[in-house]
Amino acid sequence: MLAEKMMEDDAAEIVKAVIAAARSGDMTAAKIIIDRIAPLRRGRPVRLDLPPVESASDVATATAALVAAMGAGEVTPDEAMTIASVFELRRRALESEEFEQRLLALEGQKR
């Protein structure tokens, strides 16, 4: 507990020292501050003409369009993998929704 309090006190002093150094023209200190205030954005916005994804078969169609976009160089393989993971989440959500509807229908039949 005492060590945590000492670290908190030190942290405040360190922050003040880094700010003072940045104000004095220390570019390394300035970079530390800028990196915390406005971190570099990872990735980039990707705009693709994809079909709506309302069913599992739509996921397959959208994935095919994504593969074509990657092949055409419109998106990188890393971007395609990220987008494909979103499609996978959508597919799972659709399956969960379908399962819930089927379960509710079966429970309704039993009553």
PDB file of N, CA and C in Angstrom:
ATOM      1  N   MET A   1       0.820  -1.180   0.000  1.00  0.00           N
ATOM      2  CA  MET A   1       0.000   0.000   0.000  1.00  0.00           C
ATOM      3  C   MET A   1       0.873   1.255   0.000  1.00  0.00           C
ATOM      4  N   LEU A   2       1.907   1.245   0.810  1.00  0.00           N
ATOM      5  CA  LEU A   2       2.818   2.381   0.873  1.00  0.00           C
ATOM      6  C   LEU A   2       3.542   2.562  -0.464  1.00  0.00           C
ATOM      7  N   ALA A   3       3.966   1.431  -1.061  1.00  0.00           N
ATOM      8  CA  ALA A   3       4.664   1.489  -2.348  1.00  0.00           C
ATOM      9  C   ALA A   3       3.751   2.075  -3.422  1.00  0.00           C
ATOM     10  N   GLU A   4       2.470   1.700  -3.398  1.00  0.00           N
ATOM     11  CA  GLU A   4       1.509   2.234  -4.370  1.00  0.00           C
ATOM     12  C   GLU A   4       1.368   3.743  -4.219  1.00  0.00           C
ATOM     13  N   LYS A   5       1.304   4.221  -2.989  1.00  0.00           N
ATOM     14  CA  LYS A   5       1.181   5.653  -2.736  1.00  0.00           C
ATOM     15  C   LYS A   5       2.424   6.380  -3.230  1.00  0.00           C
ATOM     16  N   MET A   6       3.589   5.795  -2.988  1.00  0.00           N
ATOM     17  CA  MET A   6       4.833   6.414  -3.438  1.00  0.00           C
ATOM     18  C   MET A   6       4.870   6.465  -4.962  1.00  0.00           C
ATOM     19  N   MET A   7       4.405   5.386  -5.610  1.00  0.00           N
ATOM     20  CA  MET A   7       4.388   5.357  -7.072  1.00  0.00           C
ATOM     21  C   MET A   7       3.434   6.414  -7.621  1.00  0.00           C
ATOM     22  N   GLU A   8       2.287   6.599  -6.964  1.00  0.00           N
ATOM     23  CA  GLU A   8       1.339   7.623  -7.400  1.00  0.00           C
ATOM     24  C   GLU A   8       1.977   9.006  -7.311  1.00  0.00           C
ATOM     25  N   ASP A   9       2.662   9.254  -6.205  1.00  0.00           N
ATOM     26  CA  ASP A   9       3.337  10.542  -6.038  1.00  0.00           C
ATOM     27  C   ASP A   9       4.411  10.717  -7.104  1.00  0.00           C
ATOM     28  N   ASP A  10       5.189   9.662  -7.343  1.00  0.00           N
ATOM     29  CA  ASP A  10       6.240   9.721  -8.361  1.00  0.00           C
ATOM     30  C   ASP A  10       5.646   9.928  -9.745  1.00  0.00           C
ATOM     31  N   ALA A  11       4.546   9.261 -10.023  1.00  0.00           N
ATOM     32  CA  ALA A  11       3.919   9.375 -11.343  1.00  0.00           C
ATOM     33  C   ALA A  11       3.515  10.818 -11.614  1.00  0.00           C
ATOM     34  N   ALA A  12       2.946  11.460 -10.628  1.00  0.00           N
ATOM     35  CA  ALA A  12       2.542  12.854 -10.812  1.00  0.00           C
ATOM     36  C   ALA A  12       3.764  13.730 -11.087  1.00  0.00           C
ATOM     37  N   GLU A  13       4.832  13.490 -10.363  1.00  0.00           N
ATOM     38  CA  GLU A  13       6.062  14.270 -10.558  1.00  0.00           C
ATOM     39  C   GLU A  13       6.682  13.984 -11.932  1.00  0.00           C
ATOM     40  N   ILE A  14       6.629  12.745 -12.351  1.00  0.00           N
ATOM     41  CA  ILE A  14       7.183  12.382 -13.661  1.00  0.00           C
ATOM     42  C   ILE A  14       6.394  13.067 -14.772  1.00  0.00           C
ATOM     43  N   VAL A  15       5.083  13.057 -14.666  1.00  0.00           N
ATOM     44  CA  VAL A  15       4.243  13.714 -15.665  1.00  0.00           C
ATOM     45  C   VAL A  15       4.575  15.199 -15.732  1.00  0.00           C
ATOM     46  N   LYS A  16       4.709  15.824 -14.574  1.00  0.00           N
ATOM     47  CA  LYS A  16       5.063  17.246 -14.544  1.00  0.00           C
ATOM     48  C   LYS A  16       6.415  17.481 -15.205  1.00  0.00           C
ATOM     49  N   ALA A  17       7.391  16.592 -14.937  1.00  0.00           N
ATOM     50  CA  ALA A  17       8.731  16.745 -15.515  1.00  0.00           C
ATOM     51  C   ALA A  17       8.694  16.584 -17.033  1.00  0.00           C
ATOM     52  N   VAL A  18       7.923  15.625 -17.524  1.00  0.00           N
ATOM     53  CA  VAL A  18       7.824  15.403 -18.973  1.00  0.00           C
ATOM     54  C   VAL A  18       7.168  16.609 -19.642  1.00  0.00           C
ATOM     55  N   ILE A  19       6.125  17.149 -19.020  1.00  0.00           N
ATOM     56  CA  ILE A  19       5.461  18.335 -19.576  1.00  0.00           C
ATOM     57  C   ILE A  19       6.423  19.520 -19.603  1.00  0.00           C
ATOM     58  N   ALA A  20       7.161  19.689 -18.520  1.00  0.00           N
ATOM     59  CA  ALA A  20       8.124  20.798 -18.469  1.00  0.00           C
ATOM     60  C   ALA A  20       9.200  20.630 -19.541  1.00  0.00           C
ATOM     61  N   ALA A  21       9.669  19.405 -19.723  1.00  0.00           N
ATOM     62  CA  ALA A  21      10.694  19.150 -20.738  1.00  0.00           C
ATOM     63  C   ALA A  21      10.144  19.444 -22.135  1.00  0.00           C
ATOM     64  N   ALA A  22       8.910  19.035 -22.386  1.00  0.00           N
ATOM     65  CA  ALA A  22       8.296  19.288 -23.693  1.00  0.00           C
ATOM     66  C   ALA A  22       8.163  20.792 -23.935  1.00  0.00           C
ATOM     67  N   ARG A  23       7.764  21.514 -22.915  1.00  0.00           N
ATOM     68  CA  ARG A  23       7.635  22.974 -23.041  1.00  0.00           C
ATOM     69  C   ARG A  23       8.983  23.642 -23.303  1.00  0.00           C
ATOM     70  N   SER A  24      10.045  22.982 -22.846  1.00  0.00           N
ATOM     71  CA  SER A  24      11.392  23.532 -23.045  1.00  0.00           C
ATOM     72  C   SER A  24      11.990  23.114 -24.384  1.00  0.00           C
ATOM     73  N   GLY A  25      11.211  22.386 -25.171  1.00  0.00           N
ATOM     74  CA  GLY A  25      11.684  22.022 -26.501  1.00  0.00           C
ATOM     75  C   GLY A  25      12.199  20.603 -26.653  1.00  0.00           C
ATOM     76  N   ASP A  26      12.093  19.781 -25.626  1.00  0.00           N
ATOM     77  CA  ASP A  26      12.536  18.385 -25.707  1.00  0.00           C
ATOM     78  C   ASP A  26      11.531  17.612 -26.569  1.00  0.00           C
ATOM     79  N   MET A  27      11.943  17.258 -27.784  1.00  0.00           N
ATOM     80  CA  MET A  27      11.041  16.605 -28.734  1.00  0.00           C
ATOM     81  C   MET A  27      10.677  15.184 -28.307  1.00  0.00           C
ATOM     82  N   THR A  28      11.555  14.509 -27.585  1.00  0.00           N
ATOM     83  CA  THR A  28      11.212  13.174 -27.090  1.00  0.00           C
ATOM     84  C   THR A  28      10.072  13.274 -26.079  1.00  0.00           C
ATOM     85  N   ALA A  29      10.163  14.246 -25.183  1.00  0.00           N
ATOM     86  CA  ALA A  29       9.097  14.466 -24.206  1.00  0.00           C
ATOM     87  C   ALA A  29       7.808  14.869 -24.915  1.00  0.00           C
ATOM     88  N   ALA A  30       7.933  15.732 -25.913  1.00  0.00           N
ATOM     89  CA  ALA A  30       6.750  16.152 -26.672  1.00  0.00           C
ATOM     90  C   ALA A  30       6.097  14.957 -27.354  1.00  0.00           C
ATOM     91  N   LYS A  31       6.910  14.055 -27.909  1.00  0.00           N
ATOM     92  CA  LYS A  31       6.370  12.859 -28.568  1.00  0.00           C
ATOM     93  C   LYS A  31       5.625  11.976 -27.573  1.00  0.00           C
ATOM     94  N   ILE A  32       6.182  11.834 -26.379  1.00  0.00           N
ATOM     95  CA  ILE A  32       5.511  11.028 -25.344  1.00  0.00           C
ATOM     96  C   ILE A  32       4.119  11.597 -25.072  1.00  0.00           C
ATOM     97  N   ILE A  33       4.042  12.904 -24.955  1.00  0.00           N
ATOM     98  CA  ILE A  33       2.758  13.543 -24.657  1.00  0.00           C
ATOM     99  C   ILE A  33       1.796  13.398 -25.834  1.00  0.00           C
ATOM    100  N   ILE A  34       2.275  13.686 -27.028  1.00  0.00           N
ATOM    101  CA  ILE A  34       1.417  13.586 -28.216  1.00  0.00           C
ATOM    102  C   ILE A  34       0.919  12.154 -28.403  1.00  0.00           C
ATOM    103  N   ASP A  35       1.789  11.172 -28.186  1.00  0.00           N
ATOM    104  CA  ASP A  35       1.382   9.774 -28.338  1.00  0.00           C
ATOM    105  C   ASP A  35       0.266   9.399 -27.367  1.00  0.00           C
ATOM    106  N   ARG A  36       0.232  10.050 -26.225  1.00  0.00           N
ATOM    107  CA  ARG A  36      -0.818   9.768 -25.249  1.00  0.00           C
ATOM    108  C   ARG A  36      -2.097  10.548 -25.561  1.00  0.00           C
ATOM    109  N   ILE A  37      -1.934  11.778 -26.015  1.00  0.00           N
ATOM    110  CA  ILE A  37      -3.102  12.621 -26.294  1.00  0.00           C
ATOM    111  C   ILE A  37      -3.798  12.199 -27.585  1.00  0.00           C
ATOM    112  N   ALA A  38      -3.014  11.937 -28.610  1.00  0.00           N
ATOM    113  CA  ALA A  38      -3.560  11.599 -29.931  1.00  0.00           C
ATOM    114  C   ALA A  38      -2.784  10.417 -30.503  1.00  0.00           C
ATOM    115  N   PRO A  39      -3.064   9.197 -30.010  1.00  0.00           N
ATOM    116  CA  PRO A  39      -2.322   8.038 -30.500  1.00  0.00           C
ATOM    117  C   PRO A  39      -2.572   7.802 -31.988  1.00  0.00           C
ATOM    118  N   LEU A  40      -1.582   7.202 -32.630  1.00  0.00           N
ATOM    119  CA  LEU A  40      -1.725   6.877 -34.047  1.00  0.00           C
ATOM    120  C   LEU A  40      -2.886   5.918 -34.237  1.00  0.00           C
ATOM    121  N   ARG A  41      -3.672   6.168 -35.247  1.00  0.00           N
ATOM    122  CA  ARG A  41      -4.797   5.305 -35.571  1.00  0.00           C
ATOM    123  C   ARG A  41      -4.274   4.048 -36.250  1.00  0.00           C
ATOM    124  N   ARG A  42      -4.779   2.942 -35.826  1.00  0.00           N
ATOM    125  CA  ARG A  42      -4.401   1.682 -36.462  1.00  0.00           C
ATOM    126  C   ARG A  42      -5.422   1.372 -37.535  1.00  0.00           C
ATOM    127  N   GLY A  43      -4.926   0.933 -38.659  1.00  0.00           N
ATOM    128  CA  GLY A  43      -5.827   0.610 -39.754  1.00  0.00           C
ATOM    129  C   GLY A  43      -6.292   1.865 -40.474  1.00  0.00           C
ATOM    130  N   ARG A  44      -7.172   1.651 -41.407  1.00  0.00           N
ATOM    131  CA  ARG A  44      -7.734   2.751 -42.184  1.00  0.00           C
ATOM    132  C   ARG A  44      -9.178   2.413 -42.479  1.00  0.00           C
ATOM    133  N   PRO A  45      -9.993   3.413 -42.730  1.00  0.00           N
ATOM    134  CA  PRO A  45     -11.366   3.106 -43.126  1.00  0.00           C
ATOM    135  C   PRO A  45     -11.352   2.354 -44.451  1.00  0.00           C
ATOM    136  N   VAL A  46     -12.161   1.345 -44.562  1.00  0.00           N
ATOM    137  CA  VAL A  46     -12.249   0.555 -45.785  1.00  0.00           C
ATOM    138  C   VAL A  46     -13.678   0.649 -46.292  1.00  0.00           C
ATOM    139  N   ARG A  47     -13.810   1.076 -47.529  1.00  0.00           N
ATOM    140  CA  ARG A  47     -15.139   1.171 -48.138  1.00  0.00           C
ATOM    141  C   ARG A  47     -15.214   0.148 -49.272  1.00  0.00           C
ATOM    142  N   LEU A  48     -16.125  -0.785 -49.107  1.00  0.00           N
ATOM    143  CA  LEU A  48     -16.320  -1.821 -50.122  1.00  0.00           C
ATOM    144  C   LEU A  48     -17.797  -1.899 -50.462  1.00  0.00           C
ATOM    145  N   ASP A  49     -18.066  -2.236 -51.694  1.00  0.00           N
ATOM    146  CA  ASP A  49     -19.443  -2.439 -52.121  1.00  0.00           C
ATOM    147  C   ASP A  49     -19.780  -3.901 -51.838  1.00  0.00           C
ATOM    148  N   LEU A  50     -20.369  -4.157 -50.675  1.00  0.00           N
ATOM    149  CA  LEU A  50     -20.703  -5.515 -50.257  1.00  0.00           C
ATOM    150  C   LEU A  50     -22.214  -5.673 -50.165  1.00  0.00           C
ATOM    151  N   PRO A  51     -22.686  -6.878 -50.424  1.00  0.00           N
ATOM    152  CA  PRO A  51     -24.130  -7.110 -50.303  1.00  0.00           C
ATOM    153  C   PRO A  51     -24.545  -7.091 -48.834  1.00  0.00           C
ATOM    154  N   PRO A  52     -25.831  -6.849 -48.570  1.00  0.00           N
ATOM    155  CA  PRO A  52     -26.308  -6.921 -47.181  1.00  0.00           C
ATOM    156  C   PRO A  52     -26.102  -8.334 -46.642  1.00  0.00           C
ATOM    157  N   VAL A  53     -25.873  -8.437 -45.354  1.00  0.00           N
ATOM    158  CA  VAL A  53     -25.655  -9.748 -44.729  1.00  0.00           C
ATOM    159  C   VAL A  53     -26.798  -9.988 -43.749  1.00  0.00           C
ATOM    160  N   GLU A  54     -27.832 -10.663 -44.261  1.00  0.00           N
ATOM    161  CA  GLU A  54     -29.022 -10.941 -43.464  1.00  0.00           C
ATOM    162  C   GLU A  54     -29.211 -12.427 -43.178  1.00  0.00           C
ATOM    163  N   SER A  55     -28.393 -13.269 -43.822  1.00  0.00           N
ATOM    164  CA  SER A  55     -28.507 -14.720 -43.628  1.00  0.00           C
ATOM    165  C   SER A  55     -27.129 -15.347 -43.780  1.00  0.00           C
ATOM    166  N   ALA A  56     -27.031 -16.623 -43.414  1.00  0.00           N
ATOM    167  CA  ALA A  56     -25.751 -17.323 -43.543  1.00  0.00           C
ATOM    168  C   ALA A  56     -25.296 -17.378 -45.000  1.00  0.00           C
ATOM    169  N   SER A  57     -26.230 -17.544 -45.921  1.00  0.00           N
ATOM    170  CA  SER A  57     -25.827 -17.577 -47.327  1.00  0.00           C
ATOM    171  C   SER A  57     -25.331 -16.205 -47.777  1.00  0.00           C
ATOM    172  N   ASP A  58     -25.869 -15.128 -47.168  1.00  0.00           N
ATOM    173  CA  ASP A  58     -25.371 -13.790 -47.469  1.00  0.00           C
ATOM    174  C   ASP A  58     -23.926 -13.617 -46.998  1.00  0.00           C
ATOM    175  N   VAL A  59     -23.587 -14.279 -45.900  1.00  0.00           N
ATOM    176  CA  VAL A  59     -22.209 -14.225 -45.410  1.00  0.00           C
ATOM    177  C   VAL A  59     -21.276 -14.821 -46.461  1.00  0.00           C
ATOM    178  N   ALA A  60     -21.679 -15.932 -47.051  1.00  0.00           N
ATOM    179  CA  ALA A  60     -20.853 -16.564 -48.087  1.00  0.00           C
ATOM    180  C   ALA A  60     -20.716 -15.645 -49.299  1.00  0.00           C
ATOM    181  N   THR A  61     -21.791 -14.989 -49.689  1.00  0.00           N
ATOM    182  CA  THR A  61     -21.749 -14.066 -50.824  1.00  0.00           C
ATOM    183  C   THR A  61     -20.850 -12.875 -50.524  1.00  0.00           C
ATOM    184  N   ALA A  62     -20.982 -12.326 -49.321  1.00  0.00           N
ATOM    185  CA  ALA A  62     -20.151 -11.181 -48.930  1.00  0.00           C
ATOM    186  C   ALA A  62     -18.686 -11.585 -48.840  1.00  0.00           C
ATOM    187  N   THR A  63     -18.423 -12.793 -48.365  1.00  0.00           N
ATOM    188  CA  THR A  63     -17.040 -13.269 -48.281  1.00  0.00           C
ATOM    189  C   THR A  63     -16.446 -13.417 -49.675  1.00  0.00           C
ATOM    190  N   ALA A  64     -17.231 -13.903 -50.608  1.00  0.00           N
ATOM    191  CA  ALA A  64     -16.752 -14.019 -51.991  1.00  0.00           C
ATOM    192  C   ALA A  64     -16.428 -12.644 -52.564  1.00  0.00           C
ATOM    193  N   ALA A  65     -17.268 -11.656 -52.274  1.00  0.00           N
ATOM    194  CA  ALA A  65     -17.005 -10.284 -52.739  1.00  0.00           C
ATOM    195  C   ALA A  65     -15.743  -9.734 -52.085  1.00  0.00           C
ATOM    196  N   LEU A  66     -15.530 -10.078 -50.826  1.00  0.00           N
ATOM    197  CA  LEU A  66     -14.328  -9.644 -50.117  1.00  0.00           C
ATOM    198  C   LEU A  66     -13.080 -10.259 -50.728  1.00  0.00           C
ATOM    199  N   VAL A  67     -13.138 -11.538 -51.042  1.00  0.00           N
ATOM    200  CA  VAL A  67     -11.995 -12.211 -51.670  1.00  0.00           C
ATOM    201  C   VAL A  67     -11.699 -11.576 -53.027  1.00  0.00           C
ATOM    202  N   ALA A  68     -12.732 -11.246 -53.772  1.00  0.00           N
ATOM    203  CA  ALA A  68     -12.537 -10.590 -55.068  1.00  0.00           C
ATOM    204  C   ALA A  68     -11.890  -9.217 -54.882  1.00  0.00           C
ATOM    205  N   ALA A  69     -12.325  -8.475 -53.864  1.00  0.00           N
ATOM    206  CA  ALA A  69     -11.741  -7.150 -53.592  1.00  0.00           C
ATOM    207  C   ALA A  69     -10.272  -7.284 -53.203  1.00  0.00           C
ATOM    208  N   MET A  70      -9.947  -8.313 -52.442  1.00  0.00           N
ATOM    209  CA  MET A  70      -8.555  -8.541 -52.075  1.00  0.00           C
ATOM    210  C   MET A  70      -7.745  -8.894 -53.317  1.00  0.00           C
ATOM    211  N   GLY A  71      -8.295  -9.737 -54.154  1.00  0.00           N
ATOM    212  CA  GLY A  71      -7.610 -10.119 -55.387  1.00  0.00           C
ATOM    213  C   GLY A  71      -7.384  -8.941 -56.317  1.00  0.00           C
ATOM    214  N   ALA A  72      -8.290  -7.978 -56.266  1.00  0.00           N
ATOM    215  CA  ALA A  72      -8.167  -6.786 -57.110  1.00  0.00           C
ATOM    216  C   ALA A  72      -7.271  -5.720 -56.476  1.00  0.00           C
ATOM    217  N   GLY A  73      -6.797  -5.983 -55.262  1.00  0.00           N
ATOM    218  CA  GLY A  73      -5.932  -5.022 -54.591  1.00  0.00           C
ATOM    219  C   GLY A  73      -6.662  -3.881 -53.918  1.00  0.00           C
ATOM    220  N   GLU A  74      -7.975  -3.994 -53.762  1.00  0.00           N
ATOM    221  CA  GLU A  74      -8.754  -2.945 -53.106  1.00  0.00           C
ATOM    222  C   GLU A  74      -8.549  -2.953 -51.594  1.00  0.00           C
ATOM    223  N   VAL A  75      -8.265  -4.123 -51.050  1.00  0.00           N
ATOM    224  CA  VAL A  75      -7.953  -4.271 -49.624  1.00  0.00           C
ATOM    225  C   VAL A  75      -6.743  -5.185 -49.498  1.00  0.00           C
ATOM    226  N   THR A  76      -6.010  -5.012 -48.417  1.00  0.00           N
ATOM    227  CA  THR A  76      -4.854  -5.869 -48.165  1.00  0.00           C
ATOM    228  C   THR A  76      -5.332  -7.197 -47.579  1.00  0.00           C
ATOM    229  N   PRO A  77      -4.493  -8.218 -47.618  1.00  0.00           N
ATOM    230  CA  PRO A  77      -4.874  -9.477 -46.966  1.00  0.00           C
ATOM    231  C   PRO A  77      -5.180  -9.295 -45.476  1.00  0.00           C
ATOM    232  N   ASP A  78      -4.430  -8.441 -44.785  1.00  0.00           N
ATOM    233  CA  ASP A  78      -4.717  -8.186 -43.367  1.00  0.00           C
ATOM    234  C   ASP A  78      -6.083  -7.541 -43.180  1.00  0.00           C
ATOM    235  N   GLU A  79      -6.403  -6.583 -44.028  1.00  0.00           N
ATOM    236  CA  GLU A  79      -7.721  -5.946 -43.953  1.00  0.00           C
ATOM    237  C   GLU A  79      -8.817  -6.952 -44.257  1.00  0.00           C
ATOM    238  N   ALA A  80      -8.580  -7.809 -45.244  1.00  0.00           N
ATOM    239  CA  ALA A  80      -9.568  -8.837 -45.591  1.00  0.00           C
ATOM    240  C   ALA A  80      -9.804  -9.776 -44.409  1.00  0.00           C
ATOM    241  N   MET A  81      -8.737 -10.140 -43.700  1.00  0.00           N
ATOM    242  CA  MET A  81      -8.890 -11.022 -42.528  1.00  0.00           C
ATOM    243  C   MET A  81      -9.706 -10.332 -41.439  1.00  0.00           C
ATOM    244  N   THR A  82      -9.471  -9.054 -41.228  1.00  0.00           N
ATOM    245  CA  THR A  82     -10.235  -8.314 -40.221  1.00  0.00           C
ATOM    246  C   THR A  82     -11.707  -8.255 -40.610  1.00  0.00           C
ATOM    247  N   ILE A  83     -11.973  -7.952 -41.854  1.00  0.00           N
ATOM    248  CA  ILE A  83     -13.360  -7.881 -42.333  1.00  0.00           C
ATOM    249  C   ILE A  83     -14.014  -9.257 -42.259  1.00  0.00           C
ATOM    250  N   ALA A  84     -13.260 -10.293 -42.628  1.00  0.00           N
ATOM    251  CA  ALA A  84     -13.800 -11.656 -42.559  1.00  0.00           C
ATOM    252  C   ALA A  84     -14.164 -12.033 -41.123  1.00  0.00           C
ATOM    253  N   SER A  85     -13.396 -11.543 -40.153  1.00  0.00           N
ATOM    254  CA  SER A  85     -13.724 -11.844 -38.754  1.00  0.00           C
ATOM    255  C   SER A  85     -15.038 -11.166 -38.360  1.00  0.00           C
ATOM    256  N   VAL A  86     -15.323 -10.007 -38.929  1.00  0.00           N
ATOM    257  CA  VAL A  86     -16.610  -9.343 -38.687  1.00  0.00           C
ATOM    258  C   VAL A  86     -17.733 -10.168 -39.315  1.00  0.00           C
ATOM    259  N   PHE A  87     -17.488 -10.686 -40.511  1.00  0.00           N
ATOM    260  CA  PHE A  87     -18.486 -11.565 -41.143  1.00  0.00           C
ATOM    261  C   PHE A  87     -18.749 -12.788 -40.260  1.00  0.00           C
ATOM    262  N   GLU A  88     -17.697 -13.342 -39.679  1.00  0.00           N
ATOM    263  CA  GLU A  88     -17.855 -14.518 -38.817  1.00  0.00           C
ATOM    264  C   GLU A  88     -18.698 -14.171 -37.588  1.00  0.00           C
ATOM    265  N   LEU A  89     -18.471 -13.014 -37.011  1.00  0.00           N
ATOM    266  CA  LEU A  89     -19.303 -12.583 -35.881  1.00  0.00           C
ATOM    267  C   LEU A  89     -20.758 -12.440 -36.304  1.00  0.00           C
ATOM    268  N   ARG A  90     -20.966 -11.884 -37.474  1.00  0.00           N
ATOM    269  CA  ARG A  90     -22.331 -11.725 -37.995  1.00  0.00           C
ATOM    270  C   ARG A  90     -22.981 -13.083 -38.220  1.00  0.00           C
ATOM    271  N   ARG A  91     -22.219 -14.029 -38.783  1.00  0.00           N
ATOM    272  CA  ARG A  91     -22.753 -15.372 -39.016  1.00  0.00           C
ATOM    273  C   ARG A  91     -23.174 -16.015 -37.702  1.00  0.00           C
ATOM    274  N   ARG A  92     -22.341 -15.891 -36.687  1.00  0.00           N
ATOM    275  CA  ARG A  92     -22.676 -16.480 -35.383  1.00  0.00           C
ATOM    276  C   ARG A  92     -23.920 -15.820 -34.788  1.00  0.00           C
ATOM    277  N   ALA A  93     -24.018 -14.516 -34.933  1.00  0.00           N
ATOM    278  CA  ALA A  93     -25.198 -13.814 -34.419  1.00  0.00           C
ATOM    279  C   ALA A  93     -26.461 -14.288 -35.136  1.00  0.00           C
ATOM    280  N   LEU A  94     -26.361 -14.452 -36.456  1.00  0.00           N
ATOM    281  CA  LEU A  94     -27.505 -14.940 -37.226  1.00  0.00           C
ATOM    282  C   LEU A  94     -27.894 -16.346 -36.796  1.00  0.00           C
ATOM    283  N   GLU A  95     -26.892 -17.206 -36.584  1.00  0.00           N
ATOM    284  CA  GLU A  95     -27.176 -18.570 -36.142  1.00  0.00           C
ATOM    285  C   GLU A  95     -27.821 -18.580 -34.759  1.00  0.00           C
ATOM    286  N   SER A  96     -27.344 -17.726 -33.870  1.00  0.00           N
ATOM    287  CA  SER A  96     -27.922 -17.644 -32.525  1.00  0.00           C
ATOM    288  C   SER A  96     -29.371 -17.189 -32.588  1.00  0.00           C
ATOM    289  N   GLU A  97     -29.614 -16.195 -33.427  1.00  0.00           N
ATOM    290  CA  GLU A  97     -30.978 -15.685 -33.584  1.00  0.00           C
ATOM    291  C   GLU A  97     -31.887 -16.775 -34.153  1.00  0.00           C
ATOM    292  N   GLU A  98     -31.405 -17.496 -35.161  1.00  0.00           N
ATOM    293  CA  GLU A  98     -32.199 -18.570 -35.767  1.00  0.00           C
ATOM    294  C   GLU A  98     -32.464 -19.675 -34.748  1.00  0.00           C
ATOM    295  N   PHE A  99     -31.449 -20.020 -33.973  1.00  0.00           N
ATOM    296  CA  PHE A  99     -31.608 -21.055 -32.951  1.00  0.00           C
ATOM    297  C   PHE A  99     -32.659 -20.640 -31.930  1.00  0.00           C
ATOM    298  N   GLU A 100     -32.596 -19.386 -31.493  1.00  0.00           N
ATOM    299  CA  GLU A 100     -33.564 -18.893 -30.516  1.00  0.00           C
ATOM    300  C   GLU A 100     -34.980 -18.958 -31.076  1.00  0.00           C
ATOM    301  N   GLN A 101     -35.167 -18.568 -32.336  1.00  0.00           N
ATOM    302  CA  GLN A 101     -36.491 -18.603 -32.957  1.00  0.00           C
ATOM    303  C   GLN A 101     -37.002 -20.040 -33.051  1.00  0.00           C
ATOM    304  N   ARG A 102     -36.124 -20.963 -33.430  1.00  0.00           N
ATOM    305  CA  ARG A 102     -36.538 -22.369 -33.539  1.00  0.00           C
ATOM    306  C   ARG A 102     -36.893 -22.925 -32.167  1.00  0.00           C
ATOM    307  N   LEU A 103     -36.099 -22.572 -31.160  1.00  0.00           N
ATOM    308  CA  LEU A 103     -36.366 -23.042 -29.808  1.00  0.00           C
ATOM    309  C   LEU A 103     -37.703 -22.507 -29.301  1.00  0.00           C
ATOM    310  N   LEU A 104     -37.959 -21.243 -29.528  1.00  0.00           N
ATOM    311  CA  LEU A 104     -39.228 -20.664 -29.101  1.00  0.00           C
ATOM    312  C   LEU A 104     -40.404 -21.323 -29.816  1.00  0.00           C
ATOM    313  N   ALA A 105     -40.229 -21.629 -31.093  1.00  0.00           N
ATOM    314  CA  ALA A 105     -41.287 -22.307 -31.856  1.00  0.00           C
ATOM    315  C   ALA A 105     -41.548 -23.699 -31.283  1.00  0.00           C
ATOM    316  N   LEU A 106     -40.478 -24.433 -30.965  1.00  0.00           N
ATOM    317  CA  LEU A 106     -40.644 -25.776 -30.383  1.00  0.00           C
ATOM    318  C   LEU A 106     -41.301 -25.699 -29.015  1.00  0.00           C
ATOM    319  N   GLU A 107     -40.918 -24.739 -28.215  1.00  0.00           N
ATOM    320  CA  GLU A 107     -41.534 -24.595 -26.893  1.00  0.00           C
ATOM    321  C   GLU A 107     -43.008 -24.229 -27.036  1.00  0.00           C
ATOM    322  N   GLY A 108     -43.327 -23.436 -28.041  1.00  0.00           N
ATOM    323  CA  GLY A 108     -44.726 -23.072 -28.296  1.00  0.00           C
ATOM    324  C   GLY A 108     -45.550 -24.279 -28.718  1.00  0.00           C
ATOM    325  N   GLN A 109     -44.947 -25.211 -29.471  1.00  0.00           N
ATOM    326  CA  GLN A 109     -45.651 -26.406 -29.911  1.00  0.00           C
ATOM    327  C   GLN A 109     -45.932 -27.345 -28.740  1.00  0.00           C
ATOM    328  N   LYS A 110     -45.027 -27.358 -27.748  1.00  0.00           N
ATOM    329  CA  LYS A 110     -45.195 -28.256 -26.610  1.00  0.00           C
ATOM    330  C   LYS A 110     -46.293 -27.798 -25.671  1.00  0.00           C
ATOM    331  N   ARG A 111     -46.600 -26.517 -25.701  1.00  0.00           N
ATOM    332  CA  ARG A 111     -47.633 -25.992 -24.797  1.00  0.00           C
ATOM    333  C   ARG A 111     -48.941 -26.311 -25.339  1.00  0.00           C
TER     334      ARG A 111
END
